[in-house]
């Protein structure tokens, strides 16, 4: 009973801590499955490494953890509100070619994290993405714009979080004054730019801070 009580009380605490830490800490595994693997590994490892640990309580703990996971899976399916409470919600991080700063800030992902995930899908220009959703397991689901040529198009970040990237500008042999002249027609202060990229055709693409406040994001469901 003591073992069972410990399992029942410790899992909600560890679940809360992991939800607080965010999906970056979990990786691509659903949060509760991550906890189950972690707990099973700890119990089995302790049983193998320490001869003083009694074998029967360890076996009981493993069975109890497996039963808890089964109940959890049934609860997530049966009660949608429960699933939303104990798992991460999918979030839109790119909409119509614009990085959504508010969403990235909510999940503590940087623009570099998202750009890397795009590159892993052979997409090198955020402007070519119509919709990108950060799933509960940390993966990025992407819908490209119709007629997109992102597989062969490359865009370079020249402004990050309101600052010109001197290294990128030097590599592209572009002067800071040229960038400011390109931004000027958009009537956007440099400090309001979350990300600005330029492609091989010298076309500028800008994502502003809180730009999504002026547009309605589509609903996303589990």
Protein backbone atom coordinates (compact mmCIF):
# COMPACT_ATOMS: atom_id res chain seq x y z
CA UNK A 1 0.00 0.00 0.00
CA UNK A 2 2.87 2.34 0.73
CA UNK A 3 4.34 1.76 -2.75
CA UNK A 4 0.96 2.27 -4.39
CA UNK A 5 0.36 5.47 -2.43
CA UNK A 6 3.76 6.82 -3.45
CA UNK A 7 3.10 6.11 -7.13
CA UNK A 8 -0.35 7.74 -7.02
CA UNK A 9 0.96 10.87 -5.28
CA UNK A 10 4.31 11.35 -7.01
CA UNK A 11 3.10 11.11 -10.62
CA UNK A 12 0.80 14.17 -10.49
CA UNK A 13 3.68 16.17 -9.01
CA UNK A 14 6.19 15.07 -11.65
CA UNK A 15 3.56 15.63 -14.37
CA UNK A 16 3.00 19.18 -13.18
CA UNK A 17 6.74 19.87 -13.13
CA UNK A 18 7.18 18.54 -16.67
CA UNK A 19 4.23 20.57 -17.97
CA UNK A 20 5.79 23.60 -16.33
CA UNK A 21 9.16 22.86 -17.92
CA UNK A 22 7.55 22.78 -21.36
CA UNK A 23 7.67 20.55 -24.39
CA UNK A 24 11.27 21.44 -25.23
CA UNK A 25 12.35 19.51 -22.12
CA UNK A 26 10.36 16.45 -23.20
CA UNK A 27 11.35 16.25 -26.85
CA UNK A 28 9.19 14.29 -29.27
CA UNK A 29 7.53 12.00 -26.73
CA UNK A 30 4.09 12.69 -25.19
CA UNK A 31 4.64 14.02 -21.68
CA UNK A 32 2.99 11.20 -19.73
CA UNK A 33 4.68 8.49 -21.82
CA UNK A 34 7.96 10.23 -21.02
CA UNK A 35 7.18 10.00 -17.32
CA UNK A 36 6.26 6.31 -17.59
CA UNK A 37 9.52 5.45 -19.34
CA UNK A 38 11.47 7.52 -16.83
CA UNK A 39 9.77 5.84 -13.86
CA UNK A 40 10.11 2.32 -15.23
CA UNK A 41 13.76 2.88 -16.03
CA UNK A 42 14.43 4.17 -12.52
CA UNK A 43 12.61 1.29 -10.82
CA UNK A 44 14.19 -1.43 -12.95
CA UNK A 45 17.63 0.17 -12.75
CA UNK A 46 17.47 0.37 -8.96
CA UNK A 47 16.36 -3.26 -8.72
CA UNK A 48 19.22 -4.46 -10.92
CA UNK A 49 21.95 -2.31 -9.36
CA UNK A 50 21.09 -2.64 -5.67
CA UNK A 51 20.82 -6.21 -4.29
CA UNK A 52 19.36 -4.84 -1.04
CA UNK A 53 16.17 -3.71 -2.80
CA UNK A 54 13.43 -6.29 -2.41
CA UNK A 55 12.39 -7.86 -5.69
CA UNK A 56 8.68 -8.34 -5.03
CA UNK A 57 7.93 -4.66 -4.23
CA UNK A 58 9.81 -3.69 -7.38
CA UNK A 59 7.69 -6.05 -9.49
CA UNK A 60 4.55 -4.65 -7.86
CA UNK A 61 5.70 -1.08 -8.62
CA UNK A 62 6.23 -1.97 -12.29
CA UNK A 63 2.75 -3.50 -12.54
CA UNK A 64 1.20 -0.50 -10.77
CA UNK A 65 2.94 1.96 -13.12
CA UNK A 66 1.74 -0.02 -16.15
CA UNK A 67 -1.82 -0.03 -14.80
CA UNK A 68 -1.65 3.71 -14.15
CA UNK A 69 -0.54 4.33 -17.74
CA UNK A 70 -3.44 2.23 -19.03
CA UNK A 71 -5.95 4.21 -16.93
CA UNK A 72 -4.38 7.44 -18.11
CA UNK A 73 -4.70 6.45 -21.79
CA UNK A 74 -8.36 5.54 -21.31
CA UNK A 75 -9.01 8.83 -19.50
CA UNK A 76 -7.45 10.90 -22.28
CA UNK A 77 -9.67 9.19 -24.87
CA UNK A 78 -12.86 9.23 -22.79
CA UNK A 79 -12.64 12.78 -21.42
CA UNK A 80 -11.21 15.40 -23.85
CA UNK A 81 -11.00 17.99 -21.06
CA UNK A 82 -8.70 15.64 -19.17
CA UNK A 83 -6.47 15.24 -22.22
CA UNK A 84 -6.13 19.02 -22.56
CA UNK A 85 -5.30 19.30 -18.87
CA UNK A 86 -2.42 16.81 -18.83
CA UNK A 87 -0.92 17.26 -22.31
CA UNK A 88 0.46 20.13 -24.37
CA UNK A 89 -1.91 21.81 -26.82
CA UNK A 90 -0.89 22.18 -30.48
CA UNK A 91 0.00 25.77 -31.28
CA UNK A 92 0.26 27.71 -34.55
CA UNK A 93 3.77 29.17 -34.79
CA UNK A 94 3.72 30.28 -38.45
CA UNK A 95 0.67 31.69 -40.24
CA UNK A 96 0.68 32.94 -43.82
CA UNK A 97 4.46 33.16 -43.86
CA UNK A 98 4.71 35.07 -40.57
CA UNK A 99 6.34 33.81 -37.39
CA UNK A 100 3.90 34.21 -34.49
CA UNK A 101 5.96 35.72 -31.69
CA UNK A 102 3.28 35.35 -29.00
CA UNK A 103 3.01 31.61 -29.61
CA UNK A 104 6.76 31.07 -29.64
CA UNK A 105 7.10 33.00 -26.41
CA UNK A 106 4.35 30.87 -24.84
CA UNK A 107 6.22 27.60 -25.47
CA UNK A 108 9.70 29.12 -24.97
CA UNK A 109 10.87 28.28 -28.49
CA UNK A 110 13.24 30.69 -30.20
CA UNK A 111 13.00 31.62 -33.86
CA UNK A 112 16.20 29.63 -34.41
CA UNK A 113 14.48 26.49 -33.09
CA UNK A 114 11.66 26.91 -35.61
CA UNK A 115 13.97 27.79 -38.51
CA UNK A 116 16.02 24.69 -37.76
CA UNK A 117 12.89 22.53 -37.75
CA UNK A 118 11.91 24.02 -41.11
CA UNK A 119 15.34 23.25 -42.54
CA UNK A 120 14.99 19.65 -41.36
CA UNK A 121 11.94 19.52 -43.65
CA UNK A 122 13.98 21.03 -46.51
CA UNK A 123 12.25 24.41 -46.18
CA UNK A 124 14.65 27.35 -46.17
CA UNK A 125 12.24 30.26 -46.52
CA UNK A 126 9.59 30.88 -43.87
CA UNK A 127 7.63 33.05 -46.30
CA UNK A 128 6.72 29.92 -48.28
CA UNK A 129 4.93 28.36 -45.28
CA UNK A 130 1.18 28.87 -45.14
CA UNK A 131 0.70 27.19 -41.76
CA UNK A 132 3.01 25.51 -39.25
CA UNK A 133 1.75 23.87 -36.07
CA UNK A 134 3.92 22.84 -33.14
CA UNK A 135 2.36 19.57 -32.05
CA UNK A 136 2.02 18.24 -28.50
CA UNK A 137 4.98 15.91 -29.08
CA UNK A 138 7.26 18.77 -30.14
CA UNK A 139 7.16 18.04 -33.88
CA UNK A 140 6.37 20.71 -36.45
CA UNK A 141 3.52 20.04 -38.90
CA UNK A 142 3.87 22.19 -42.01
CA UNK A 143 1.52 23.19 -44.81
CA UNK A 144 3.29 25.05 -47.58
CA UNK A 145 1.69 27.72 -49.72
CA UNK A 146 0.21 26.63 -53.05
CA UNK A 147 2.87 26.65 -55.73
CA UNK A 148 5.62 26.97 -53.16
CA UNK A 149 9.21 26.72 -54.39
CA UNK A 150 10.72 26.60 -50.90
CA UNK A 151 12.73 23.49 -51.70
CA UNK A 152 14.94 25.60 -53.94
CA UNK A 153 14.44 29.01 -52.29
CA UNK A 154 16.74 30.16 -49.50
CA UNK A 155 16.08 33.13 -47.21
CA UNK A 156 18.64 34.66 -44.85
CA UNK A 157 17.76 36.27 -41.49
CA UNK A 158 19.13 39.81 -41.56
CA UNK A 159 17.10 41.18 -38.63
CA UNK A 160 16.54 39.21 -35.44
CA UNK A 161 14.45 40.57 -32.58
CA UNK A 162 14.87 44.19 -33.63
CA UNK A 163 18.61 44.00 -34.36
CA UNK A 164 20.52 43.82 -37.61
CA UNK A 165 22.61 40.66 -37.92
CA UNK A 166 26.03 42.00 -38.84
CA UNK A 167 27.49 38.55 -39.57
CA UNK A 168 24.77 37.67 -42.11
CA UNK A 169 24.99 41.10 -43.73
CA UNK A 170 28.76 40.75 -44.08
CA UNK A 171 28.41 37.30 -45.62
CA UNK A 172 25.83 38.60 -48.10
CA UNK A 173 27.85 41.79 -48.70
CA UNK A 174 24.89 43.99 -47.82
CA UNK A 175 25.35 47.29 -45.99
CA UNK A 176 23.22 48.16 -42.99
CA UNK A 177 22.05 51.34 -44.74
CA UNK A 178 20.71 49.25 -47.62
CA UNK A 179 18.63 47.17 -45.23
CA UNK A 180 17.22 50.24 -43.52
CA UNK A 181 16.29 51.67 -46.93
CA UNK A 182 14.49 48.42 -47.80
CA UNK A 183 12.58 48.51 -44.51
CA UNK A 184 11.61 52.18 -44.78
CA UNK A 185 8.71 51.74 -47.29
CA UNK A 186 7.05 49.31 -44.84
CA UNK A 187 6.84 52.04 -42.17
CA UNK A 188 8.00 49.60 -39.50
CA UNK A 189 10.51 50.64 -36.81
CA UNK A 190 13.46 48.29 -36.60
CA UNK A 191 12.61 47.54 -32.95
CA UNK A 192 9.16 46.20 -34.01
CA UNK A 193 10.64 43.56 -36.32
CA UNK A 194 10.80 40.06 -34.84
CA UNK A 195 12.39 38.53 -37.93
CA UNK A 196 13.28 39.89 -41.35
CA UNK A 197 14.68 37.68 -44.08
CA UNK A 198 15.99 38.33 -47.56
CA UNK A 199 16.11 35.78 -50.36
CA UNK A 200 18.43 35.35 -53.32
CA UNK A 201 16.31 37.79 -55.33
CA UNK A 202 16.83 40.47 -52.66
CA UNK A 203 13.16 40.28 -51.65
CA UNK A 204 12.52 41.31 -48.05
CA UNK A 205 10.08 39.45 -45.81
CA UNK A 206 9.14 40.80 -42.38
CA UNK A 207 7.49 39.22 -39.31
CA UNK A 208 6.54 41.81 -36.70
CA UNK A 209 6.10 41.45 -32.97
CA UNK A 210 2.45 40.79 -32.09
CA UNK A 211 1.42 40.94 -35.74
CA UNK A 212 -1.04 38.12 -35.05
CA UNK A 213 -3.05 40.51 -32.83
CA UNK A 214 -4.37 42.06 -36.05
CA UNK A 215 -5.46 38.79 -37.63
CA UNK A 216 -7.57 35.84 -36.58
CA UNK A 217 -5.64 32.61 -36.25
CA UNK A 218 -7.52 29.48 -37.32
CA UNK A 219 -8.56 27.03 -34.58
CA UNK A 220 -6.31 24.06 -33.88
CA UNK A 221 -7.59 20.85 -32.33
CA UNK A 222 -5.91 17.91 -30.60
